[in-house]
């Protein structure tokens, strides 16, 4: 029987689970993060040694940067690898450094993502075993392939394995998302400083996520009816991020000495409807691209169908969806023209947003099962789809290791 509190309203029953699902210490989370880094580090090292992967090209790029003593784009990532490897120009050592740094980045993303599993406002408690296991699965989830199309393109899967800077930036992406949710709930000067530092770390690692963040976050604050003083505090991170993005644009696209180092013709930002995205499609882009987007979102969509009211009222999921729409819009409209056009450098942010959406959707599902321990048919279907996409992700990674770019 539930006793009323002093206000006369019934007290809410405890949602804390019993038995194996009970909150644990932080030690299991640290151990799982370390295990993830130890397992994925050698895999990423092997991919870096494969000359048919982007990781190999990025390692060679760092080798050239160190030989020429030039400041590269995505400087935070390349400086970190150079620091770990003692600023050597030996390619084998650089490749090992890639494995160490990127494996550590995946472990750090795992730890940062624990926050996403708890919802907002988050419960300040140690993570539960189901949350930890679900997050391990999210680290490998990949979308099902479309017959006749490539495994990766034209999808926006929640995980990338072939691009070093996209892996490295993800802990900062998750932390920025969490800091933005905290700021929207309780705006403060301290929160604005945290946002500023995390936006700077994102831009210096890979600016892709910041491009959609500066679009979606003001809209999220507006929907949340944030007090006017919060807008004044929010100016600082946006000014700093804008200055860094502008400086990076001028450095990469307008500085003659860096253009000479890249040994490519000057590039520019162009406008076009699915100009690059459609080139990754073998079939009809008007049919394949929407199908690929839905296929990439299969798991969150399944959660939305199973629990529509909880899904649509979850604040973190609302923000994820706004980020995803902004990210897809940028990829659909903007592109880098010139020799680097097919690098798809304005198309990384949808995958980053999709990872956030997957983690938040799985977090909602785990919380629902804590509240309602009895499993229904829809829960079994959701768990089965999750397990299938984990298996597909592991198989895709094995293909990538075996065939390099041919596995993409």
Foldseek 3Di string as FASTA:
>chain_A
DFDPDPVRHTDDDDLAFDDQQHFDDQVVLLVLLVVQLVVQLVLQLLLCVDPQFVNVVVLLVLLLCLVVVHQDALNVLSVQLCVVLVSDSDSNSSSSSLSNQLSNLLSLLLVLLLQLLQFPVGDPTHHTPVLSVLSVLLSQFAFDDDPPAARPPPALALDDSRHSLLSNLLSLLSQLLVLLRVCLVPPDLVSLVSNQVSLVNNRSSANQLVQLCVVLSVVLSVVSVPDPVSVVSNVVSVVNNVVSNVVSCCVCQPDVVNCVSVVFDHKDKAWDFCPQRVVSTPDDCVPVNVVNHCRNLVLLVLLCVVPVVLQVPRSSLVSLVSSLVSLVVQLRTMAIDGPCRNVSSNNNNNSSSSSSNSSNSVSSVVSVCSNPVDDDPSNVVSVVVSVVSSVVSVVLSVLCSVPPVVSD
